Amino acid sequence: AANSLQRLLDDGHQVLAVVLRKQQSDPTLEQFAQQHSITCNRPDSVNDVDFVQYVRALAPELNISVSYDQILRKDIRQSAPKGFINVHAGKLPFYRGRNPINWAIINNETEIGLTVHFVDKGIDTGDIIVQQTLPLVWEDDYQTALGKVHAALPELVSEGVKLIETGDANPTPQAHLEGSYFSRRIPGDEWIEWDDSSLDIYNKIRAIT
């Protein structure tokens, strides 16, 4: 998120405010925003009536979600005239939901997707603005795959915002019947079933390493 914020500023966009997760997970984002005198908020609920009014008063043209962890309800989604976009580390409509990188490795995928899409009432179901795939190789674990995502994501955010800014975005509806959802990680994920195949065991280990 901090790298994406840097890229947006480099592109000349005015960032009115940054909204942080309630449970701090990215101190780099907060520190970077403060260094650039950008107001930071950490609401209990991004959908709270008072917070929605606060966002409307800022009068943003576009809202952007990068690694945010709350569901965005109708009022906050409609608080900017050009909408609300999200960046998802999955090749939508596949790998909707939580921890798509982990699940892609567990499932022995040879690539992972990055998708910039509009946010609608569903979970990762909005129209796709721009999408990119990144290779997953045999030696990749979660850390190296995440590094690839971190390196590629700011450019994709920049491209998506530019398409919206210039009016050249041509959003593509998702094929919902072909999509897939995956759940968040839970305690017990680290247990190995030694009766599984060696491939399944290897993929599970590298997916949570």
Protein backbone atom coordinates (compact mmCIF):
# COMPACT_ATOMS: atom_id res chain seq x y z
CA ALA A 1 0.00 0.00 0.00
CA ALA A 2 2.84 2.41 0.81
CA ASN A 3 4.48 1.69 -2.55
CA SER A 4 1.17 2.29 -4.33
CA LEU A 5 0.72 5.57 -2.46
CA GLN A 6 4.23 6.61 -3.54
CA ARG A 7 3.39 5.81 -7.16
CA LEU A 8 0.14 7.79 -7.06
CA LEU A 9 2.00 10.81 -5.71
CA ASP A 10 4.71 10.38 -8.36
CA ASP A 11 1.95 10.38 -10.99
CA GLY A 12 0.82 13.79 -9.73
CA HIS A 13 -2.39 12.74 -8.02
CA GLN A 14 -3.59 14.57 -4.92
CA VAL A 15 -4.19 12.08 -2.12
CA LEU A 16 -6.70 13.58 0.33
CA ALA A 17 -6.41 11.02 3.13
CA VAL A 18 -5.26 7.52 4.03
CA VAL A 19 -7.45 5.02 5.85
CA LEU A 20 -5.56 2.45 7.92
CA ARG A 21 -6.73 -0.92 9.16
CA LYS A 22 -8.20 -0.88 12.65
CA GLN A 23 -5.64 -3.47 13.70
CA GLN A 24 -2.31 -2.02 12.58
CA SER A 25 -0.71 -4.21 9.94
CA ASP A 26 1.26 -1.76 7.81
CA PRO A 27 3.22 0.82 9.82
CA THR A 28 5.13 1.69 6.64
CA LEU A 29 1.96 3.09 5.09
CA GLU A 30 1.22 5.28 8.10
CA GLN A 31 4.81 6.53 8.33
CA PHE A 32 4.94 7.34 4.62
CA ALA A 33 1.64 9.21 4.74
CA GLN A 34 2.76 11.25 7.73
CA GLN A 35 6.05 12.12 6.00
CA HIS A 36 4.00 13.59 3.15
CA SER A 37 1.57 15.40 5.50
CA ILE A 38 -1.36 13.22 4.46
CA THR A 39 -4.10 12.82 7.06
CA CYS A 40 -4.41 9.27 8.43
CA ASN A 41 -7.62 7.73 9.77
CA ARG A 42 -8.19 4.46 11.61
CA PRO A 43 -11.98 4.08 11.96
CA ASP A 44 -13.56 1.20 13.85
CA SER A 45 -15.88 0.85 10.86
CA VAL A 46 -15.31 2.41 7.48
CA ASN A 47 -19.08 2.13 6.97
CA ASP A 48 -19.99 4.24 9.99
CA VAL A 49 -22.36 7.10 9.06
CA ASP A 50 -20.07 9.77 10.50
CA PHE A 51 -17.03 8.41 8.68
CA VAL A 52 -18.91 8.22 5.38
CA GLN A 53 -19.91 11.86 5.84
CA TYR A 54 -16.27 12.72 6.55
CA VAL A 55 -15.18 11.06 3.30
CA ARG A 56 -17.92 12.85 1.34
CA ALA A 57 -16.76 16.16 2.81
CA LEU A 58 -13.26 15.49 1.45
CA ALA A 59 -14.88 15.28 -2.01
CA PRO A 60 -12.61 12.62 -3.54
CA GLU A 61 -12.98 11.82 -7.22
CA LEU A 62 -11.96 8.18 -6.72
CA ASN A 63 -11.43 5.90 -3.74
CA ILE A 64 -8.82 3.13 -3.77
CA SER A 65 -8.48 0.05 -1.58
CA VAL A 66 -5.13 -1.71 -1.30
CA SER A 67 -5.00 -4.54 1.26
CA TYR A 68 -7.89 -3.21 3.31
CA ASP A 69 -9.77 -5.69 5.48
CA GLN A 70 -13.33 -4.37 5.85
CA ILE A 71 -16.30 -5.00 3.57
CA LEU A 72 -17.29 -1.76 1.83
CA ARG A 73 -21.02 -1.09 2.04
CA LYS A 74 -23.11 0.92 -0.42
CA ASP A 75 -22.74 4.38 1.17
CA ILE A 76 -18.94 4.33 1.31
CA ARG A 77 -18.75 2.79 -2.18
CA GLN A 78 -20.76 5.71 -3.51
CA SER A 79 -18.79 8.43 -1.72
CA ALA A 80 -16.77 9.33 -4.83
CA PRO A 81 -18.23 10.04 -8.30
CA LYS A 82 -15.77 7.78 -10.15
CA GLY A 83 -16.39 4.92 -7.74
CA PHE A 84 -14.30 2.70 -5.49
CA ILE A 85 -11.62 0.39 -6.87
CA ASN A 86 -9.74 -2.46 -5.20
CA VAL A 87 -6.53 -4.32 -5.95
CA HIS A 88 -6.74 -8.08 -5.45
CA ALA A 89 -3.81 -10.53 -5.59
CA GLY A 90 -5.81 -13.11 -7.51
CA LYS A 91 -6.70 -13.73 -11.13
CA LEU A 92 -10.38 -12.85 -10.83
CA PRO A 93 -12.92 -14.34 -11.11
CA PHE A 94 -10.73 -17.10 -9.67
CA TYR A 95 -9.24 -16.91 -6.18
CA ARG A 96 -11.71 -14.46 -4.74
CA GLY A 97 -11.62 -14.10 -0.97
CA ARG A 98 -8.77 -14.30 1.50
CA ASN A 99 -5.13 -15.33 1.09
CA PRO A 100 -5.19 -15.94 -2.69
CA ILE A 101 -1.39 -16.18 -2.91
CA ASN A 102 -1.23 -18.97 -0.32
CA TRP A 103 -3.99 -20.91 -2.03
CA ALA A 104 -2.47 -20.54 -5.50
CA ILE A 105 0.75 -22.15 -4.24
CA ILE A 106 -1.12 -24.90 -2.39
CA ASN A 107 -3.00 -25.66 -5.61
CA ASN A 108 0.25 -25.92 -7.60
CA GLU A 109 -0.58 -22.99 -9.87
CA THR A 110 2.12 -21.82 -12.27
CA GLU A 111 1.01 -18.20 -12.12
CA ILE A 112 -0.75 -15.75 -9.84
CA GLY A 113 -2.94 -12.87 -10.89
CA LEU A 114 -3.20 -9.22 -9.97
CA THR A 115 -6.52 -7.50 -10.63
CA VAL A 116 -7.71 -3.91 -10.33
CA HIS A 117 -11.51 -3.94 -10.21
CA PHE A 118 -14.45 -1.82 -9.19
CA VAL A 119 -15.94 -2.67 -5.81
CA ASP A 120 -19.57 -3.76 -5.82
CA LYS A 121 -21.81 -5.41 -3.22
CA GLY A 122 -20.12 -8.80 -3.60
CA ILE A 123 -16.70 -9.97 -2.42
CA ASP A 124 -14.16 -9.42 -5.22
CA THR A 125 -16.92 -9.59 -7.83
CA GLY A 126 -16.79 -6.12 -9.40
CA ASP A 127 -15.99 -5.32 -13.03
CA ILE A 128 -12.32 -5.76 -13.97
CA ILE A 129 -10.40 -2.67 -15.07
CA VAL A 130 -6.94 -4.16 -15.68
CA GLN A 131 -5.30 -7.49 -14.90
CA GLN A 132 -1.82 -8.98 -14.94
CA THR A 133 -0.31 -12.43 -14.33
CA LEU A 134 2.99 -13.19 -12.62
CA PRO A 135 4.87 -16.51 -12.88
CA LEU A 136 5.04 -18.94 -9.98
CA VAL A 137 8.05 -21.23 -10.23
CA TRP A 138 8.90 -24.45 -8.41
CA GLU A 139 11.21 -22.66 -5.97
CA ASP A 140 8.75 -19.92 -5.01
CA ASP A 141 7.37 -19.84 -1.49
CA TYR A 142 4.90 -17.37 -0.01
CA GLN A 143 7.61 -14.78 0.71
CA THR A 144 9.06 -14.74 -2.81
CA ALA A 145 5.59 -14.75 -4.40
CA LEU A 146 4.56 -11.84 -2.19
CA GLY A 147 7.72 -10.02 -3.26
CA LYS A 148 6.67 -10.34 -6.90
CA VAL A 149 3.25 -8.92 -6.05
CA HIS A 150 4.78 -6.01 -4.12
CA ALA A 151 7.03 -5.17 -7.09
CA ALA A 152 4.25 -5.28 -9.71
CA LEU A 153 1.28 -3.84 -7.84
CA PRO A 154 2.07 -0.07 -7.83
CA GLU A 155 2.40 -0.01 -11.62
CA LEU A 156 -0.94 -1.80 -11.99
CA VAL A 157 -2.63 0.65 -9.60
CA SER A 158 -1.17 3.51 -11.63
CA GLU A 159 -2.44 2.00 -14.87
CA GLY A 160 -5.93 1.42 -13.51
CA VAL A 161 -6.24 4.94 -12.13
CA LYS A 162 -4.93 6.43 -15.37
CA LEU A 163 -7.52 4.53 -17.42
CA ILE A 164 -10.28 5.90 -15.20
CA GLU A 165 -8.82 9.41 -15.26
CA THR A 166 -8.64 9.54 -19.06
CA GLY A 167 -12.00 7.86 -19.58
CA ASP A 168 -10.35 4.93 -21.37
CA ALA A 169 -11.37 2.29 -18.85
CA ASN A 170 -13.49 -0.43 -20.38
CA PRO A 171 -14.51 -2.51 -17.34
CA THR A 172 -15.17 -6.18 -18.02
CA PRO A 173 -17.87 -7.98 -16.02
CA GLN A 174 -16.66 -11.11 -14.26
CA ALA A 175 -17.87 -14.56 -15.28
CA HIS A 176 -19.44 -15.36 -11.92
CA LEU A 177 -20.34 -18.98 -12.64
CA GLU A 178 -16.71 -19.73 -13.47
CA GLY A 179 -15.28 -18.03 -10.39
CA SER A 180 -13.96 -19.53 -7.17
CA TYR A 181 -13.71 -18.46 -3.53
CA PHE A 182 -11.11 -19.38 -0.93
CA SER A 183 -11.23 -18.88 2.83
CA ARG A 184 -8.87 -17.15 5.21
CA ARG A 185 -6.07 -19.06 6.91
CA ILE A 186 -6.96 -20.58 10.30
CA PRO A 187 -5.12 -22.35 13.12
CA GLY A 188 -4.41 -25.88 11.98
CA ASP A 189 -3.26 -24.88 8.49
CA GLU A 190 0.27 -25.73 9.56
CA TRP A 191 -0.49 -29.42 10.19
CA ILE A 192 0.89 -31.81 7.59
CA GLU A 193 -1.04 -34.88 6.47
CA TRP A 194 1.82 -37.25 5.77
CA ASP A 195 -0.42 -39.55 3.74
CA ASP A 196 -0.74 -36.80 1.11
CA SER A 197 1.40 -36.89 -2.02
CA SER A 198 4.91 -35.46 -1.86
CA LEU A 199 3.77 -32.71 -4.26
CA ASP A 200 0.85 -31.69 -2.03
CA ILE A 201 3.11 -31.65 1.04
CA TYR A 202 5.76 -29.57 -0.72
CA ASN A 203 3.21 -27.05 -1.98
CA LYS A 204 1.60 -26.71 1.44
CA ILE A 205 4.96 -26.10 3.13
CA ARG A 206 6.07 -23.46 0.65
CA ALA A 207 2.64 -21.81 0.74
CA ILE A 208 2.90 -21.02 4.46
CA THR A 209 6.65 -20.41 4.64
